[in-house]
Amino acid sequence: GHFETYDIPFHVAKFDVSLTAFLHGDNLTFDFQYCTDLYKKETIERMAEHFLNVLKDAAHHPELVLSEIRMMSEDEKDIILHTFNHEKTDGPKNKTVSRLFEER
């Protein structure tokens, strides 16, 4: 996928997030518009990347059911599974999160 940012003539988003598709010859162009008070540019870029991953997976493997389509890239999946999940916590090992909330 190719990303390109550009300024649009109006400066107020009509919705929190909107996605519009335009057909130009054989090419589809997708336009994400978003409220900058609610979203960071990086968040929208990650959302767009996930959207492209879904489109690519669906186009290359039309036999997949929705639950089998990959949203994250292998690099992002690896970071989440192997970096974030290896954080050490000092919390009790034998209690559920809901139990800890109840005790608080």
C-alpha atoms as a PDB file:
ATOM      1  CA  GLY A   1       0.000   0.000   0.000  1.00  0.00           C
ATOM      2  CA  HIS A   2       0.970   3.576  -0.604  1.00  0.00           C
ATOM      3  CA  PHE A   3       0.179   6.316   1.925  1.00  0.00           C
ATOM      4  CA  GLU A   4       0.079   9.974   1.097  1.00  0.00           C
ATOM      5  CA  THR A   5      -1.141  12.765   3.322  1.00  0.00           C
ATOM      6  CA  TYR A   6      -2.579  15.973   1.945  1.00  0.00           C
ATOM      7  CA  ASP A   7      -4.509  19.008   3.102  1.00  0.00           C
ATOM      8  CA  ILE A   8      -8.187  19.216   2.325  1.00  0.00           C
ATOM      9  CA  PRO A   9     -10.031  22.504   1.784  1.00  0.00           C
ATOM     10  CA  PHE A  10     -12.152  22.315   4.946  1.00  0.00           C
ATOM     11  CA  HIS A  11     -10.759  22.017   8.441  1.00  0.00           C
ATOM     12  CA  VAL A  12     -13.630  20.529  10.432  1.00  0.00           C
ATOM     13  CA  ALA A  13     -14.360  16.802  10.352  1.00  0.00           C
ATOM     14  CA  LYS A  14     -18.041  16.018   9.880  1.00  0.00           C
ATOM     15  CA  PHE A  15     -17.669  12.766  11.846  1.00  0.00           C
ATOM     16  CA  ASP A  16     -15.219  11.420  14.410  1.00  0.00           C
ATOM     17  CA  VAL A  17     -13.764   9.166  11.681  1.00  0.00           C
ATOM     18  CA  SER A  18     -14.917   8.652   8.118  1.00  0.00           C
ATOM     19  CA  LEU A  19     -13.564   6.609   5.232  1.00  0.00           C
ATOM     20  CA  THR A  20     -14.422   7.397   1.626  1.00  0.00           C
ATOM     21  CA  ALA A  21     -13.381   5.377  -1.433  1.00  0.00           C
ATOM     22  CA  PHE A  22     -12.845   6.945  -4.862  1.00  0.00           C
ATOM     23  CA  LEU A  23     -12.375   5.055  -8.121  1.00  0.00           C
ATOM     24  CA  HIS A  24      -9.794   6.602 -10.474  1.00  0.00           C
ATOM     25  CA  GLY A  25      -9.486   4.402 -13.558  1.00  0.00           C
ATOM     26  CA  ASP A  26      -8.191   1.078 -12.248  1.00  0.00           C
ATOM     27  CA  ASN A  27      -7.142   2.518  -8.868  1.00  0.00           C
ATOM     28  CA  LEU A  28      -9.057   2.914  -5.642  1.00  0.00           C
ATOM     29  CA  THR A  29      -8.166   5.847  -3.414  1.00  0.00           C
ATOM     30  CA  PHE A  30      -9.244   5.807   0.229  1.00  0.00           C
ATOM     31  CA  ASP A  31      -9.687   9.021   2.170  1.00  0.00           C
ATOM     32  CA  PHE A  32      -9.636   8.907   5.974  1.00  0.00           C
ATOM     33  CA  GLN A  33     -10.970  12.056   7.598  1.00  0.00           C
ATOM     34  CA  TYR A  34     -10.858  12.336  11.376  1.00  0.00           C
ATOM     35  CA  CYS A  35     -11.273  14.677  14.288  1.00  0.00           C
ATOM     36  CA  THR A  36      -7.791  15.724  15.407  1.00  0.00           C
ATOM     37  CA  ASP A  37      -9.105  16.464  18.902  1.00  0.00           C
ATOM     38  CA  LEU A  38      -9.894  12.753  19.303  1.00  0.00           C
ATOM     39  CA  TYR A  39      -7.247  10.932  17.258  1.00  0.00           C
ATOM     40  CA  LYS A  40      -3.522  11.221  16.739  1.00  0.00           C
ATOM     41  CA  LYS A  41      -2.157  11.007  13.209  1.00  0.00           C
ATOM     42  CA  GLU A  42      -0.305   7.803  14.172  1.00  0.00           C
ATOM     43  CA  THR A  43      -3.550   6.166  15.305  1.00  0.00           C
ATOM     44  CA  ILE A  44      -5.232   6.860  11.959  1.00  0.00           C
ATOM     45  CA  GLU A  45      -2.148   5.677  10.064  1.00  0.00           C
ATOM     46  CA  ARG A  46      -2.239   2.401  12.037  1.00  0.00           C
ATOM     47  CA  MET A  47      -5.990   2.116  11.351  1.00  0.00           C
ATOM     48  CA  ALA A  48      -5.354   2.660   7.624  1.00  0.00           C
ATOM     49  CA  GLU A  49      -2.581   0.050   7.666  1.00  0.00           C
ATOM     50  CA  HIS A  50      -4.947  -2.452   9.311  1.00  0.00           C
ATOM     51  CA  PHE A  51      -7.610  -1.667   6.717  1.00  0.00           C
ATOM     52  CA  LEU A  52      -5.125  -2.297   3.892  1.00  0.00           C
ATOM     53  CA  ASN A  53      -4.039  -5.583   5.498  1.00  0.00           C
ATOM     54  CA  VAL A  54      -7.688  -6.725   5.562  1.00  0.00           C
ATOM     55  CA  LEU A  55      -8.184  -5.730   1.912  1.00  0.00           C
ATOM     56  CA  LYS A  56      -4.980  -7.469   0.792  1.00  0.00           C
ATOM     57  CA  ASP A  57      -5.751 -10.659   2.706  1.00  0.00           C
ATOM     58  CA  ALA A  58      -9.316 -10.775   1.382  1.00  0.00           C
ATOM     59  CA  ALA A  59      -8.162 -10.122  -2.205  1.00  0.00           C
ATOM     60  CA  HIS A  60      -5.393 -12.732  -2.129  1.00  0.00           C
ATOM     61  CA  HIS A  61      -7.449 -15.359  -0.267  1.00  0.00           C
ATOM     62  CA  PRO A  62     -11.143 -14.920  -1.166  1.00  0.00           C
ATOM     63  CA  GLU A  63     -11.980 -18.289   0.406  1.00  0.00           C
ATOM     64  CA  LEU A  64     -11.178 -17.013   3.925  1.00  0.00           C
ATOM     65  CA  VAL A  65     -13.993 -16.402   6.351  1.00  0.00           C
ATOM     66  CA  LEU A  66     -13.995 -13.046   8.126  1.00  0.00           C
ATOM     67  CA  SER A  67     -12.491 -14.423  11.356  1.00  0.00           C
ATOM     68  CA  GLU A  68      -9.463 -15.738   9.402  1.00  0.00           C
ATOM     69  CA  ILE A  69      -8.548 -12.433   7.752  1.00  0.00           C
ATOM     70  CA  ARG A  70      -5.429 -10.849   9.245  1.00  0.00           C
ATOM     71  CA  MET A  71      -5.639  -7.248  10.337  1.00  0.00           C
ATOM     72  CA  MET A  72      -2.158  -6.865  11.816  1.00  0.00           C
ATOM     73  CA  SER A  73       1.120  -7.292  10.002  1.00  0.00           C
ATOM     74  CA  GLU A  74       3.423 -10.078  11.193  1.00  0.00           C
ATOM     75  CA  ASP A  75       5.799  -7.472  12.699  1.00  0.00           C
ATOM     76  CA  GLU A  76       3.015  -5.808  14.699  1.00  0.00           C
ATOM     77  CA  LYS A  77       1.663  -9.177  15.823  1.00  0.00           C
ATOM     78  CA  ASP A  78       5.152 -10.219  16.949  1.00  0.00           C
ATOM     79  CA  ILE A  79       5.607  -7.020  18.961  1.00  0.00           C
ATOM     80  CA  ILE A  80       2.273  -7.466  20.739  1.00  0.00           C
ATOM     81  CA  LEU A  81       2.755 -11.168  21.453  1.00  0.00           C
ATOM     82  CA  HIS A  82       6.405 -11.132  22.446  1.00  0.00           C
ATOM     83  CA  THR A  83       7.117  -7.654  23.792  1.00  0.00           C
ATOM     84  CA  PHE A  84       3.965  -6.490  25.559  1.00  0.00           C
ATOM     85  CA  ASN A  85       3.109  -9.925  26.966  1.00  0.00           C
ATOM     86  CA  HIS A  86       6.456 -10.348  28.702  1.00  0.00           C
ATOM     87  CA  GLU A  87       5.982  -7.462  31.099  1.00  0.00           C
ATOM     88  CA  LYS A  88       6.446  -8.500  34.714  1.00  0.00           C
ATOM     89  CA  THR A  89       3.687  -7.597  37.155  1.00  0.00           C
ATOM     90  CA  ASP A  90       3.705  -7.686  40.919  1.00  0.00           C
ATOM     91  CA  GLY A  91       0.014  -8.470  41.178  1.00  0.00           C
ATOM     92  CA  PRO A  92      -1.339 -11.602  42.841  1.00  0.00           C
ATOM     93  CA  LYS A  93      -1.129 -14.670  40.612  1.00  0.00           C
ATOM     94  CA  ASN A  94      -4.268 -16.418  41.888  1.00  0.00           C
ATOM     95  CA  LYS A  95      -6.886 -13.652  41.480  1.00  0.00           C
ATOM     96  CA  THR A  96      -8.862 -12.513  38.463  1.00  0.00           C
ATOM     97  CA  VAL A  97      -9.019  -8.874  37.407  1.00  0.00           C
ATOM     98  CA  SER A  98     -12.710  -8.700  38.348  1.00  0.00           C
ATOM     99  CA  ARG A  99     -11.861 -10.051  41.830  1.00  0.00           C
ATOM    100  CA  LEU A 100      -9.200  -7.358  42.282  1.00  0.00           C
ATOM    101  CA  PHE A 101     -11.742  -4.669  41.297  1.00  0.00           C
ATOM    102  CA  GLU A 102     -14.233  -6.040  43.823  1.00  0.00           C
ATOM    103  CA  GLU A 103     -11.606  -5.919  46.582  1.00  0.00           C
ATOM    104  CA  ARG A 104     -10.750  -2.311  45.773  1.00  0.00           C
END
